């Protein structure tokens, strides 16, 4: 979304400059001003087209991992890919953090990150900070992704985790932080975020709805 705003501002500034230079050319109409104005138009339009190609990159990839590798060169790794209907979610892990990234999907191919679209997120936390649930939806997409974090698995003597979302598609276990993470693909936002851990319904003490760009 930020890139779109910057692009719009760039177009507006270019329009103002183009009009101002056009008035100068009309006022001082000669060969030099005409040549300079034409050069300005050619160069500036070329730059704008290049920016458009960068923002709205239509390159398609065979795998979502290829999308990430083409854009980023870092020490992060993709641990899970949760497939949706018109997108997919990448669960990315680094040395000290987790993260998710949405990738658009079309006709079995994967496009660039939808970083210019707002992301709607609903967060749920329990009183003991042992269970955390995050549900994300990319604007314009019918896909919803839920990530359920259960911390301190050994301390909880974890036997079972159930939710109203159904069976999780993937489970990621982080042995270093003693955390289990469950991933779900949903077709709609759940009316109630009911989660059971060891046959006990989790009581959410705080919820938060936000839109990130």
N, C-alpha and C. Protein backbone atom coordinates (compact mmCIF):
# COMPACT_ATOMS: atom_id res chain seq x y z
N UNK A 1 0.83 -1.21 0.00
CA UNK A 1 0.00 0.00 0.00
C UNK A 1 0.87 1.26 0.00
N UNK A 2 1.97 1.25 0.72
CA UNK A 2 2.87 2.40 0.78
C UNK A 2 3.43 2.69 -0.60
N UNK A 3 3.79 1.62 -1.33
CA UNK A 3 4.35 1.80 -2.67
C UNK A 3 3.33 2.45 -3.60
N UNK A 4 2.05 2.11 -3.44
CA UNK A 4 1.01 2.71 -4.27
C UNK A 4 0.88 4.20 -3.98
N UNK A 5 0.91 4.56 -2.69
CA UNK A 5 0.82 5.98 -2.29
C UNK A 5 1.98 6.76 -2.87
N UNK A 6 3.18 6.21 -2.75
CA UNK A 6 4.37 6.88 -3.29
C UNK A 6 4.24 7.05 -4.80
N UNK A 7 3.72 6.01 -5.46
CA UNK A 7 3.55 6.08 -6.91
C UNK A 7 2.57 7.18 -7.29
N UNK A 8 1.44 7.28 -6.59
CA UNK A 8 0.44 8.31 -6.88
C UNK A 8 1.01 9.70 -6.66
N UNK A 9 1.74 9.88 -5.55
CA UNK A 9 2.38 11.17 -5.28
C UNK A 9 3.38 11.53 -6.38
N UNK A 10 4.12 10.53 -6.84
CA UNK A 10 5.10 10.76 -7.91
C UNK A 10 4.40 11.24 -9.19
N UNK A 11 3.27 10.60 -9.52
CA UNK A 11 2.51 11.00 -10.71
C UNK A 11 1.99 12.43 -10.57
N UNK A 12 1.48 12.77 -9.38
CA UNK A 12 0.97 14.12 -9.16
C UNK A 12 2.08 15.16 -9.30
N UNK A 13 3.24 14.89 -8.70
CA UNK A 13 4.37 15.82 -8.78
C UNK A 13 4.83 15.96 -10.23
N UNK A 14 4.89 14.79 -10.92
CA UNK A 14 5.29 14.83 -12.33
C UNK A 14 4.31 15.68 -13.15
N UNK A 15 3.02 15.53 -12.88
CA UNK A 15 2.02 16.30 -13.61
C UNK A 15 2.18 17.80 -13.40
N UNK A 16 2.44 18.19 -12.16
CA UNK A 16 2.64 19.62 -11.85
C UNK A 16 3.87 20.15 -12.58
N UNK A 17 4.96 19.39 -12.53
CA UNK A 17 6.21 19.82 -13.20
C UNK A 17 6.01 19.88 -14.70
N UNK A 18 5.31 18.87 -15.27
CA UNK A 18 5.09 18.84 -16.71
C UNK A 18 4.28 20.05 -17.17
N UNK A 19 3.25 20.40 -16.40
CA UNK A 19 2.42 21.57 -16.76
C UNK A 19 3.22 22.86 -16.65
N UNK A 20 4.01 22.96 -15.57
CA UNK A 20 4.83 24.17 -15.38
C UNK A 20 5.84 24.34 -16.52
N UNK A 21 6.50 23.24 -16.89
CA UNK A 21 7.48 23.32 -17.99
C UNK A 21 6.80 23.59 -19.32
N UNK A 22 5.59 23.06 -19.49
CA UNK A 22 4.85 23.32 -20.73
C UNK A 22 4.53 24.80 -20.87
N UNK A 23 4.14 25.43 -19.77
CA UNK A 23 3.85 26.87 -19.79
C UNK A 23 5.11 27.67 -20.11
N UNK A 24 6.25 27.22 -19.54
CA UNK A 24 7.52 27.90 -19.83
C UNK A 24 7.86 27.76 -21.30
N UNK A 25 7.64 26.55 -21.85
CA UNK A 25 7.94 26.32 -23.27
C UNK A 25 7.08 27.19 -24.17
N UNK A 26 5.78 27.32 -23.83
CA UNK A 26 4.89 28.16 -24.63
C UNK A 26 5.31 29.63 -24.57
N UNK A 27 5.72 30.04 -23.36
CA UNK A 27 6.10 31.45 -23.17
C UNK A 27 7.40 31.77 -23.92
N UNK A 28 8.35 30.84 -23.87
CA UNK A 28 9.65 31.05 -24.53
C UNK A 28 9.78 30.03 -25.67
N UNK A 29 8.87 30.10 -26.59
CA UNK A 29 8.81 29.08 -27.63
C UNK A 29 9.98 29.21 -28.60
N UNK A 30 10.89 28.24 -28.50
CA UNK A 30 12.01 28.15 -29.43
C UNK A 30 12.46 26.69 -29.52
N UNK A 31 13.40 26.42 -30.39
CA UNK A 31 13.83 25.04 -30.64
C UNK A 31 14.40 24.39 -29.39
N UNK A 32 15.19 25.14 -28.63
CA UNK A 32 15.85 24.57 -27.45
C UNK A 32 14.84 24.16 -26.39
N UNK A 33 13.87 25.05 -26.09
CA UNK A 33 12.88 24.72 -25.07
C UNK A 33 12.02 23.53 -25.50
N UNK A 34 11.70 23.47 -26.80
CA UNK A 34 10.90 22.34 -27.29
C UNK A 34 11.67 21.03 -27.14
N UNK A 35 12.96 21.04 -27.52
CA UNK A 35 13.80 19.83 -27.40
C UNK A 35 13.93 19.40 -25.94
N UNK A 36 14.17 20.38 -25.07
CA UNK A 36 14.31 20.06 -23.65
C UNK A 36 13.01 19.49 -23.08
N UNK A 37 11.88 20.04 -23.50
CA UNK A 37 10.59 19.54 -23.00
C UNK A 37 10.33 18.11 -23.49
N UNK A 38 10.64 17.85 -24.74
CA UNK A 38 10.45 16.50 -25.29
C UNK A 38 11.35 15.51 -24.56
N UNK A 39 12.61 15.91 -24.31
CA UNK A 39 13.53 15.04 -23.56
C UNK A 39 13.01 14.77 -22.15
N UNK A 40 12.47 15.82 -21.54
CA UNK A 40 11.90 15.65 -20.20
C UNK A 40 10.77 14.62 -20.22
N UNK A 41 9.89 14.72 -21.21
CA UNK A 41 8.77 13.78 -21.31
C UNK A 41 9.27 12.35 -21.53
N UNK A 42 10.23 12.18 -22.43
CA UNK A 42 10.73 10.84 -22.74
C UNK A 42 11.38 10.20 -21.52
N UNK A 43 12.26 10.96 -20.85
CA UNK A 43 12.98 10.42 -19.71
C UNK A 43 12.04 10.15 -18.54
N UNK A 44 11.18 11.12 -18.23
CA UNK A 44 10.29 10.97 -17.08
C UNK A 44 9.29 9.84 -17.28
N UNK A 45 8.72 9.72 -18.48
CA UNK A 45 7.77 8.65 -18.75
C UNK A 45 8.46 7.29 -18.68
N UNK A 46 9.68 7.21 -19.15
CA UNK A 46 10.44 5.96 -19.07
C UNK A 46 10.66 5.54 -17.62
N UNK A 47 10.99 6.53 -16.78
CA UNK A 47 11.19 6.24 -15.35
C UNK A 47 9.89 5.77 -14.71
N UNK A 48 8.77 6.44 -15.04
CA UNK A 48 7.48 6.07 -14.48
C UNK A 48 7.08 4.65 -14.91
N UNK A 49 7.30 4.31 -16.17
CA UNK A 49 7.00 2.96 -16.65
C UNK A 49 7.85 1.92 -15.94
N UNK A 50 9.09 2.28 -15.65
CA UNK A 50 9.97 1.35 -14.92
C UNK A 50 9.45 1.14 -13.50
N UNK A 51 9.01 2.22 -12.86
CA UNK A 51 8.46 2.11 -11.50
C UNK A 51 7.21 1.25 -11.50
N UNK A 52 6.35 1.45 -12.51
CA UNK A 52 5.14 0.63 -12.61
C UNK A 52 5.49 -0.84 -12.75
N UNK A 53 6.49 -1.15 -13.56
CA UNK A 53 6.88 -2.55 -13.75
C UNK A 53 7.40 -3.17 -12.46
N UNK A 54 8.03 -2.34 -11.62
CA UNK A 54 8.54 -2.85 -10.34
C UNK A 54 7.42 -3.08 -9.34
N UNK A 55 6.47 -2.15 -9.30
CA UNK A 55 5.37 -2.26 -8.34
C UNK A 55 4.41 -3.36 -8.73
N UNK A 56 4.04 -3.38 -9.99
CA UNK A 56 3.07 -4.35 -10.47
C UNK A 56 3.76 -5.44 -11.28
N UNK A 57 4.70 -6.08 -10.67
CA UNK A 57 5.46 -7.14 -11.33
C UNK A 57 4.53 -8.32 -11.61
N UNK A 58 4.37 -8.66 -12.89
CA UNK A 58 3.47 -9.74 -13.27
C UNK A 58 4.19 -11.07 -13.46
N UNK A 59 5.43 -11.15 -13.02
CA UNK A 59 6.18 -12.39 -13.15
C UNK A 59 5.50 -13.48 -12.34
N UNK A 60 5.35 -14.64 -12.95
CA UNK A 60 4.74 -15.78 -12.27
C UNK A 60 5.80 -16.85 -12.01
N UNK A 61 5.68 -17.52 -10.88
CA UNK A 61 6.64 -18.53 -10.46
C UNK A 61 5.94 -19.86 -10.25
N UNK A 62 6.71 -20.93 -10.37
CA UNK A 62 6.15 -22.27 -10.19
C UNK A 62 5.87 -22.59 -8.73
N UNK A 63 6.65 -22.01 -7.82
CA UNK A 63 6.48 -22.29 -6.39
C UNK A 63 6.51 -20.98 -5.61
N UNK A 64 5.85 -20.94 -4.44
CA UNK A 64 5.91 -19.73 -3.61
C UNK A 64 7.32 -19.49 -3.05
N UNK A 65 8.08 -20.58 -2.87
CA UNK A 65 9.46 -20.42 -2.40
C UNK A 65 10.29 -19.63 -3.40
N UNK A 66 10.02 -19.85 -4.69
CA UNK A 66 10.76 -19.14 -5.72
C UNK A 66 10.46 -17.64 -5.68
N UNK A 67 9.22 -17.29 -5.32
CA UNK A 67 8.86 -15.88 -5.19
C UNK A 67 9.72 -15.22 -4.11
N UNK A 68 9.78 -15.89 -2.96
CA UNK A 68 10.52 -15.33 -1.83
C UNK A 68 12.01 -15.22 -2.15
N UNK A 69 12.56 -16.27 -2.74
CA UNK A 69 14.00 -16.28 -3.03
C UNK A 69 14.37 -15.23 -4.06
N UNK A 70 13.43 -14.90 -4.95
CA UNK A 70 13.72 -13.89 -5.97
C UNK A 70 13.73 -12.49 -5.39
N UNK A 71 12.98 -12.28 -4.31
CA UNK A 71 12.85 -10.94 -3.73
C UNK A 71 13.86 -10.72 -2.60
N UNK A 72 14.04 -11.73 -1.74
CA UNK A 72 14.84 -11.56 -0.54
C UNK A 72 16.10 -12.41 -0.58
N UNK A 73 17.14 -11.85 -0.02
CA UNK A 73 18.37 -12.60 0.22
C UNK A 73 18.73 -12.38 1.69
N UNK A 74 18.29 -13.29 2.54
CA UNK A 74 18.52 -13.13 3.97
C UNK A 74 18.68 -14.50 4.61
N UNK A 75 18.78 -14.49 5.92
CA UNK A 75 19.00 -15.74 6.65
C UNK A 75 17.68 -16.39 7.08
N UNK A 76 16.57 -15.85 6.62
CA UNK A 76 15.28 -16.43 6.98
C UNK A 76 14.99 -17.65 6.10
N UNK A 77 14.17 -18.55 6.62
CA UNK A 77 13.82 -19.74 5.85
C UNK A 77 12.31 -19.98 5.91
N UNK A 78 11.79 -20.56 4.87
CA UNK A 78 10.38 -20.90 4.81
C UNK A 78 10.19 -22.28 5.41
N UNK A 79 9.43 -22.32 6.51
CA UNK A 79 9.22 -23.59 7.20
C UNK A 79 7.92 -24.28 6.78
N UNK A 80 6.91 -23.49 6.44
CA UNK A 80 5.64 -24.07 6.03
C UNK A 80 5.00 -23.20 4.95
N UNK A 81 4.28 -23.86 4.06
CA UNK A 81 3.48 -23.16 3.06
C UNK A 81 2.05 -23.67 3.19
N UNK A 82 1.12 -22.78 3.49
CA UNK A 82 -0.29 -23.14 3.61
C UNK A 82 -1.01 -22.63 2.38
N UNK A 83 -1.55 -23.54 1.60
CA UNK A 83 -2.17 -23.18 0.33
C UNK A 83 -3.62 -22.73 0.54
N UNK A 84 -4.00 -21.67 -0.19
CA UNK A 84 -5.38 -21.21 -0.22
C UNK A 84 -5.92 -21.34 -1.63
N UNK A 85 -7.03 -20.68 -1.89
CA UNK A 85 -7.64 -20.74 -3.22
C UNK A 85 -6.99 -19.77 -4.19
N UNK A 86 -6.83 -18.51 -3.76
CA UNK A 86 -6.22 -17.52 -4.65
C UNK A 86 -4.98 -16.88 -4.03
N UNK A 87 -4.43 -17.54 -3.02
CA UNK A 87 -3.21 -17.06 -2.37
C UNK A 87 -2.60 -18.21 -1.58
N UNK A 88 -1.50 -17.95 -0.96
CA UNK A 88 -0.93 -18.91 0.00
C UNK A 88 -0.19 -18.13 1.07
N UNK A 89 0.02 -18.77 2.20
CA UNK A 89 0.72 -18.13 3.30
C UNK A 89 2.06 -18.81 3.54
N UNK A 90 3.10 -18.01 3.60
CA UNK A 90 4.43 -18.53 3.92
C UNK A 90 4.70 -18.28 5.40
N UNK A 91 5.07 -19.33 6.12
CA UNK A 91 5.49 -19.17 7.51
C UNK A 91 7.01 -19.14 7.51
N UNK A 92 7.55 -17.98 7.89
CA UNK A 92 8.98 -17.73 7.76
C UNK A 92 9.63 -17.66 9.14
N UNK A 93 10.77 -18.30 9.26
CA UNK A 93 11.48 -18.39 10.54
C UNK A 93 12.89 -17.84 10.39
N UNK A 94 13.30 -17.01 11.35
CA UNK A 94 14.69 -16.57 11.44
C UNK A 94 15.24 -17.03 12.78
N UNK A 95 16.40 -16.57 13.14
CA UNK A 95 17.03 -17.03 14.38
C UNK A 95 16.23 -16.66 15.61
N UNK A 96 15.57 -15.52 15.59
CA UNK A 96 14.90 -15.04 16.80
C UNK A 96 13.46 -14.59 16.58
N UNK A 97 12.86 -14.95 15.45
CA UNK A 97 11.49 -14.47 15.22
C UNK A 97 10.77 -15.36 14.20
N UNK A 98 9.42 -15.24 14.25
CA UNK A 98 8.56 -15.87 13.26
C UNK A 98 7.90 -14.77 12.44
N UNK A 99 7.40 -15.14 11.29
CA UNK A 99 6.66 -14.18 10.49
C UNK A 99 5.85 -14.87 9.42
N UNK A 100 4.85 -14.17 8.89
CA UNK A 100 4.06 -14.72 7.79
C UNK A 100 4.09 -13.73 6.63
N UNK A 101 3.97 -14.26 5.44
CA UNK A 101 3.94 -13.46 4.23
C UNK A 101 2.93 -14.07 3.26
N UNK A 102 2.11 -13.21 2.64
CA UNK A 102 1.11 -13.69 1.71
C UNK A 102 1.63 -13.57 0.27
N UNK A 103 1.34 -14.57 -0.52
CA UNK A 103 1.72 -14.58 -1.93
C UNK A 103 0.46 -14.84 -2.76
N UNK A 104 0.28 -14.06 -3.79
CA UNK A 104 -0.88 -14.24 -4.66
C UNK A 104 -0.70 -15.47 -5.55
N UNK A 105 -1.81 -16.09 -5.90
CA UNK A 105 -1.77 -17.30 -6.73
C UNK A 105 -2.78 -17.17 -7.86
N UNK A 106 -2.37 -17.60 -9.05
CA UNK A 106 -3.26 -17.50 -10.21
C UNK A 106 -2.97 -18.65 -11.17
N UNK A 107 -4.00 -19.43 -11.45
CA UNK A 107 -3.89 -20.55 -12.39
C UNK A 107 -2.74 -21.49 -12.05
N UNK A 108 -2.58 -21.77 -10.77
CA UNK A 108 -1.55 -22.71 -10.35
C UNK A 108 -0.16 -22.12 -10.28
N UNK A 109 -0.02 -20.82 -10.60
CA UNK A 109 1.27 -20.13 -10.52
C UNK A 109 1.23 -19.12 -9.38
N UNK A 110 2.40 -18.65 -9.00
CA UNK A 110 2.50 -17.74 -7.86
C UNK A 110 3.08 -16.41 -8.31
N UNK A 111 2.43 -15.33 -7.85
CA UNK A 111 2.89 -14.00 -8.20
C UNK A 111 3.69 -13.39 -7.07
N UNK A 112 3.84 -12.07 -7.14
CA UNK A 112 4.64 -11.39 -6.14
C UNK A 112 3.85 -11.22 -4.85
N UNK A 113 4.56 -10.77 -3.81
CA UNK A 113 3.92 -10.51 -2.54
C UNK A 113 2.90 -9.40 -2.68
N UNK A 114 1.78 -9.56 -2.02
CA UNK A 114 0.75 -8.53 -2.05
C UNK A 114 1.01 -7.50 -0.97
N UNK A 115 2.21 -6.93 -0.98
CA UNK A 115 2.60 -6.01 0.09
C UNK A 115 1.89 -4.67 -0.01
N UNK A 116 1.28 -4.37 -1.17
CA UNK A 116 0.58 -3.09 -1.33
C UNK A 116 -0.88 -3.19 -0.91
N UNK A 117 -1.32 -4.38 -0.51
CA UNK A 117 -2.70 -4.55 -0.07
C UNK A 117 -2.77 -4.63 1.45
N UNK A 118 -3.80 -4.05 2.05
CA UNK A 118 -3.91 -4.12 3.51
C UNK A 118 -4.18 -5.54 3.99
N UNK A 119 -3.66 -5.84 5.15
CA UNK A 119 -3.85 -7.14 5.78
C UNK A 119 -4.72 -6.96 7.01
N UNK A 120 -5.81 -7.70 7.08
CA UNK A 120 -6.69 -7.64 8.23
C UNK A 120 -6.30 -8.76 9.19
N UNK A 121 -6.09 -8.39 10.45
CA UNK A 121 -5.62 -9.35 11.44
C UNK A 121 -6.46 -9.28 12.71
N UNK A 122 -6.81 -10.44 13.22
CA UNK A 122 -7.48 -10.53 14.51
C UNK A 122 -6.59 -11.35 15.43
N UNK A 123 -6.28 -10.80 16.60
CA UNK A 123 -5.40 -11.47 17.55
C UNK A 123 -6.17 -11.86 18.81
N UNK A 124 -5.83 -13.02 19.36
CA UNK A 124 -6.43 -13.51 20.61
C UNK A 124 -5.30 -13.96 21.52
N UNK A 125 -5.38 -13.58 22.81
CA UNK A 125 -4.38 -14.00 23.79
C UNK A 125 -5.08 -14.51 25.04
N UNK A 126 -4.48 -15.52 25.63
CA UNK A 126 -5.04 -16.03 26.89
C UNK A 126 -4.34 -15.35 28.06
N UNK A 127 -4.86 -15.55 29.25
CA UNK A 127 -4.37 -14.83 30.44
C UNK A 127 -2.94 -15.20 30.80
N UNK A 128 -2.56 -16.43 30.53
CA UNK A 128 -1.22 -16.86 30.91
C UNK A 128 -0.20 -16.74 29.81
N UNK A 129 -0.58 -16.14 28.70
CA UNK A 129 0.31 -16.01 27.53
C UNK A 129 0.86 -17.35 27.08
N UNK A 130 0.06 -18.39 27.25
CA UNK A 130 0.48 -19.72 26.80
C UNK A 130 -0.08 -20.04 25.41
N UNK A 131 -1.19 -19.38 25.07
CA UNK A 131 -1.83 -19.63 23.78
C UNK A 131 -2.10 -18.30 23.08
N UNK A 132 -1.72 -18.24 21.84
CA UNK A 132 -1.92 -17.03 21.04
C UNK A 132 -2.45 -17.44 19.67
N UNK A 133 -3.50 -16.78 19.23
CA UNK A 133 -4.12 -17.08 17.94
C UNK A 133 -4.14 -15.83 17.08
N UNK A 134 -3.72 -15.99 15.83
CA UNK A 134 -3.75 -14.88 14.89
C UNK A 134 -4.42 -15.34 13.61
N UNK A 135 -5.41 -14.58 13.14
CA UNK A 135 -6.11 -14.89 11.90
C UNK A 135 -5.91 -13.73 10.94
N UNK A 136 -5.36 -14.02 9.77
CA UNK A 136 -5.04 -12.99 8.78
C UNK A 136 -5.87 -13.18 7.51
N UNK A 137 -6.21 -12.03 6.92
CA UNK A 137 -6.90 -12.05 5.63
C UNK A 137 -6.39 -10.90 4.79
N UNK A 138 -6.01 -11.20 3.56
CA UNK A 138 -5.55 -10.19 2.64
C UNK A 138 -6.75 -9.59 1.91
N UNK A 139 -6.82 -8.27 1.83
CA UNK A 139 -7.95 -7.60 1.21
C UNK A 139 -8.15 -8.11 -0.22
N UNK A 140 -9.39 -8.43 -0.55
CA UNK A 140 -9.69 -8.92 -1.88
C UNK A 140 -9.53 -10.41 -2.03
N UNK A 141 -9.10 -11.08 -0.97
CA UNK A 141 -8.91 -12.53 -1.03
C UNK A 141 -9.97 -13.23 -0.20
N UNK A 142 -10.37 -14.42 -0.64
CA UNK A 142 -11.34 -15.23 0.10
C UNK A 142 -10.64 -16.19 1.05
N UNK A 143 -9.34 -16.06 1.17
CA UNK A 143 -8.56 -16.96 2.02
C UNK A 143 -8.30 -16.32 3.38
N UNK A 144 -8.49 -17.12 4.42
CA UNK A 144 -8.17 -16.72 5.79
C UNK A 144 -7.18 -17.74 6.34
N UNK A 145 -6.16 -17.24 7.03
CA UNK A 145 -5.14 -18.13 7.57
C UNK A 145 -5.04 -17.93 9.08
N UNK A 146 -5.10 -19.03 9.80
CA UNK A 146 -5.00 -18.98 11.25
C UNK A 146 -3.70 -19.62 11.69
N UNK A 147 -2.99 -18.94 12.59
CA UNK A 147 -1.79 -19.49 13.20
C UNK A 147 -2.04 -19.56 14.70
N UNK A 148 -2.00 -20.76 15.24
CA UNK A 148 -2.25 -20.97 16.67
C UNK A 148 -0.93 -21.35 17.34
N UNK A 149 -0.46 -20.49 18.25
CA UNK A 149 0.80 -20.71 18.94
C UNK A 149 0.51 -21.24 20.35
N UNK A 150 1.13 -22.34 20.70
CA UNK A 150 1.02 -22.90 22.05
C UNK A 150 2.42 -22.92 22.64
N UNK A 151 2.64 -22.07 23.64
CA UNK A 151 3.96 -21.93 24.25
C UNK A 151 4.09 -22.84 25.48
N UNK A 152 5.33 -23.25 25.75
CA UNK A 152 5.58 -24.06 26.94
C UNK A 152 4.90 -25.42 26.86
N UNK A 153 5.08 -26.08 25.75
CA UNK A 153 4.41 -27.36 25.51
C UNK A 153 4.74 -28.38 26.60
N UNK A 154 6.00 -28.46 26.97
CA UNK A 154 6.40 -29.44 28.00
C UNK A 154 5.77 -29.11 29.35
N UNK A 155 5.75 -27.83 29.69
CA UNK A 155 5.16 -27.42 30.98
C UNK A 155 3.66 -27.70 31.00
N UNK A 156 3.03 -27.58 29.83
CA UNK A 156 1.60 -27.84 29.76
C UNK A 156 1.28 -29.33 29.71
N UNK A 157 2.34 -30.14 29.51
CA UNK A 157 2.13 -31.58 29.34
C UNK A 157 1.09 -31.80 28.25
N UNK A 158 1.35 -31.21 27.11
CA UNK A 158 0.37 -31.14 26.04
C UNK A 158 0.03 -32.51 25.46
N UNK A 159 -1.27 -32.81 25.48
CA UNK A 159 -1.76 -34.05 24.89
C UNK A 159 -2.57 -33.80 23.62
N UNK A 160 -3.32 -32.70 23.62
CA UNK A 160 -4.23 -32.50 22.49
C UNK A 160 -4.60 -31.03 22.34
N UNK A 161 -4.70 -30.59 21.10
CA UNK A 161 -5.17 -29.24 20.77
C UNK A 161 -6.27 -29.37 19.73
N UNK A 162 -7.44 -28.80 20.04
CA UNK A 162 -8.57 -28.84 19.13
C UNK A 162 -9.10 -27.42 18.94
N UNK A 163 -9.66 -27.18 17.78
CA UNK A 163 -10.27 -25.87 17.52
C UNK A 163 -11.48 -26.07 16.63
N UNK A 164 -12.31 -25.04 16.61
CA UNK A 164 -13.50 -25.08 15.75
C UNK A 164 -13.13 -24.97 14.28
N UNK A 165 -11.86 -24.64 14.00
CA UNK A 165 -11.44 -24.47 12.61
C UNK A 165 -11.29 -25.82 11.91
N UNK A 166 -11.29 -26.91 12.66
CA UNK A 166 -11.06 -28.22 12.06
C UNK A 166 -9.63 -28.65 12.27
N UNK A 167 -9.22 -29.62 11.52
CA UNK A 167 -7.87 -30.14 11.65
C UNK A 167 -6.87 -29.20 11.00
N UNK A 168 -5.76 -28.97 11.67
CA UNK A 168 -4.74 -28.09 11.12
C UNK A 168 -4.06 -28.76 9.94
N UNK A 169 -3.64 -27.94 8.99
CA UNK A 169 -2.96 -28.48 7.81
C UNK A 169 -1.53 -28.87 8.13
N UNK A 170 -0.88 -28.07 8.94
CA UNK A 170 0.53 -28.30 9.25
C UNK A 170 0.78 -27.99 10.72
N UNK A 171 1.78 -28.65 11.27
CA UNK A 171 2.22 -28.35 12.63
C UNK A 171 3.73 -28.14 12.60
N UNK A 172 4.16 -27.06 13.23
CA UNK A 172 5.59 -26.78 13.31
C UNK A 172 5.99 -26.77 14.77
N UNK A 173 7.00 -27.56 15.13
CA UNK A 173 7.47 -27.60 16.51
C UNK A 173 8.84 -26.96 16.61
N UNK A 174 8.92 -25.96 17.49
CA UNK A 174 10.18 -25.28 17.76
C UNK A 174 10.71 -25.82 19.09
N UNK A 175 11.67 -26.70 19.02
CA UNK A 175 12.19 -27.33 20.24
C UNK A 175 12.95 -26.36 21.12
N UNK A 176 13.58 -25.35 20.51
CA UNK A 176 14.37 -24.40 21.30
C UNK A 176 13.48 -23.55 22.20
N UNK A 177 12.33 -23.09 21.68
CA UNK A 177 11.43 -22.27 22.49
C UNK A 177 10.28 -23.09 23.07
N UNK A 178 10.29 -24.40 22.81
CA UNK A 178 9.25 -25.29 23.33
C UNK A 178 7.87 -24.79 22.93
N UNK A 179 7.71 -24.61 21.62
CA UNK A 179 6.48 -24.06 21.08
C UNK A 179 5.95 -24.92 19.94
N UNK A 180 4.65 -25.16 19.95
CA UNK A 180 3.98 -25.80 18.83
C UNK A 180 3.14 -24.76 18.10
N UNK A 181 3.18 -24.78 16.77
CA UNK A 181 2.41 -23.83 15.97
C UNK A 181 1.55 -24.61 14.99
N UNK A 182 0.24 -24.32 15.02
CA UNK A 182 -0.73 -25.01 14.17
C UNK A 182 -1.23 -24.04 13.11
N UNK A 183 -1.32 -24.52 11.88
CA UNK A 183 -1.72 -23.67 10.75
C UNK A 183 -3.03 -24.16 10.16
N UNK A 184 -3.90 -23.21 9.82
CA UNK A 184 -5.21 -23.54 9.26
C UNK A 184 -5.50 -22.63 8.07
N UNK A 185 -6.13 -23.20 7.07
CA UNK A 185 -6.68 -22.39 5.98
C UNK A 185 -8.20 -22.39 6.14
N UNK A 186 -8.80 -21.18 6.15
CA UNK A 186 -10.23 -21.05 6.36
C UNK A 186 -10.87 -20.36 5.17
N UNK A 187 -12.12 -20.69 4.91
CA UNK A 187 -12.84 -20.06 3.81
C UNK A 187 -13.57 -18.80 4.25
N UNK A 188 -13.67 -18.58 5.56
CA UNK A 188 -14.31 -17.38 6.09
C UNK A 188 -13.80 -17.12 7.49
N UNK A 189 -14.07 -15.92 7.97
CA UNK A 189 -13.63 -15.59 9.32
C UNK A 189 -14.56 -16.27 10.33
N UNK A 190 -14.01 -17.04 11.28
CA UNK A 190 -14.87 -17.75 12.23
C UNK A 190 -15.62 -16.80 13.15
N UNK A 191 -16.86 -17.13 13.43
CA UNK A 191 -17.67 -16.30 14.31
C UNK A 191 -17.16 -16.36 15.75
N UNK A 192 -16.69 -17.53 16.14
CA UNK A 192 -16.13 -17.70 17.48
C UNK A 192 -14.79 -18.43 17.38
N UNK A 193 -13.81 -17.90 18.07
CA UNK A 193 -12.48 -18.51 18.05
C UNK A 193 -12.36 -19.47 19.24
N UNK A 194 -12.94 -20.64 19.10
CA UNK A 194 -12.93 -21.61 20.19
C UNK A 194 -11.74 -22.57 20.03
N UNK A 195 -10.92 -22.61 21.05
CA UNK A 195 -9.75 -23.49 21.05
C UNK A 195 -9.72 -24.27 22.36
N UNK A 196 -9.47 -25.55 22.27
CA UNK A 196 -9.34 -26.39 23.46
C UNK A 196 -7.93 -26.95 23.54
N UNK A 197 -7.35 -26.81 24.71
CA UNK A 197 -6.02 -27.37 24.99
C UNK A 197 -6.17 -28.33 26.15
N UNK A 198 -5.82 -29.59 25.91
CA UNK A 198 -5.99 -30.63 26.94
C UNK A 198 -7.42 -30.66 27.48
N UNK A 199 -8.38 -30.56 26.54
CA UNK A 199 -9.82 -30.63 26.86
C UNK A 199 -10.32 -29.43 27.66
N UNK A 200 -9.54 -28.38 27.75
CA UNK A 200 -9.95 -27.15 28.45
C UNK A 200 -10.10 -26.03 27.43
N UNK A 201 -11.28 -25.38 27.44
CA UNK A 201 -11.50 -24.27 26.51
C UNK A 201 -10.65 -23.07 26.92
N UNK A 202 -9.91 -22.53 26.00
CA UNK A 202 -9.05 -21.38 26.28
C UNK A 202 -9.91 -20.13 26.45
N UNK A 203 -9.66 -19.42 27.53
CA UNK A 203 -10.36 -18.16 27.80
C UNK A 203 -9.50 -17.00 27.28
N UNK A 204 -10.00 -16.35 26.27
CA UNK A 204 -9.25 -15.23 25.71
C UNK A 204 -9.45 -13.99 26.58
N UNK A 205 -8.37 -13.45 27.10
CA UNK A 205 -8.46 -12.27 27.96
C UNK A 205 -8.29 -10.97 27.18
N UNK A 206 -7.78 -11.08 25.96
CA UNK A 206 -7.64 -9.88 25.15
C UNK A 206 -7.76 -10.24 23.67
N UNK A 207 -8.45 -9.38 22.95
CA UNK A 207 -8.55 -9.53 21.50
C UNK A 207 -8.22 -8.21 20.85
N UNK A 208 -7.72 -8.29 19.66
CA UNK A 208 -7.31 -7.07 18.97
C UNK A 208 -7.51 -7.24 17.47
N UNK A 209 -8.12 -6.23 16.86
CA UNK A 209 -8.34 -6.24 15.42
C UNK A 209 -7.55 -5.09 14.82
N UNK A 210 -6.80 -5.39 13.79
CA UNK A 210 -5.97 -4.35 13.22
C UNK A 210 -5.86 -4.52 11.71
N UNK A 211 -5.45 -3.43 11.06
CA UNK A 211 -5.18 -3.44 9.62
C UNK A 211 -3.76 -2.97 9.42
N UNK A 212 -2.95 -3.83 8.84
CA UNK A 212 -1.54 -3.48 8.61
C UNK A 212 -1.30 -3.31 7.11
N UNK A 213 -0.38 -2.38 6.79
CA UNK A 213 -0.07 -2.14 5.39
C UNK A 213 1.37 -2.52 5.12
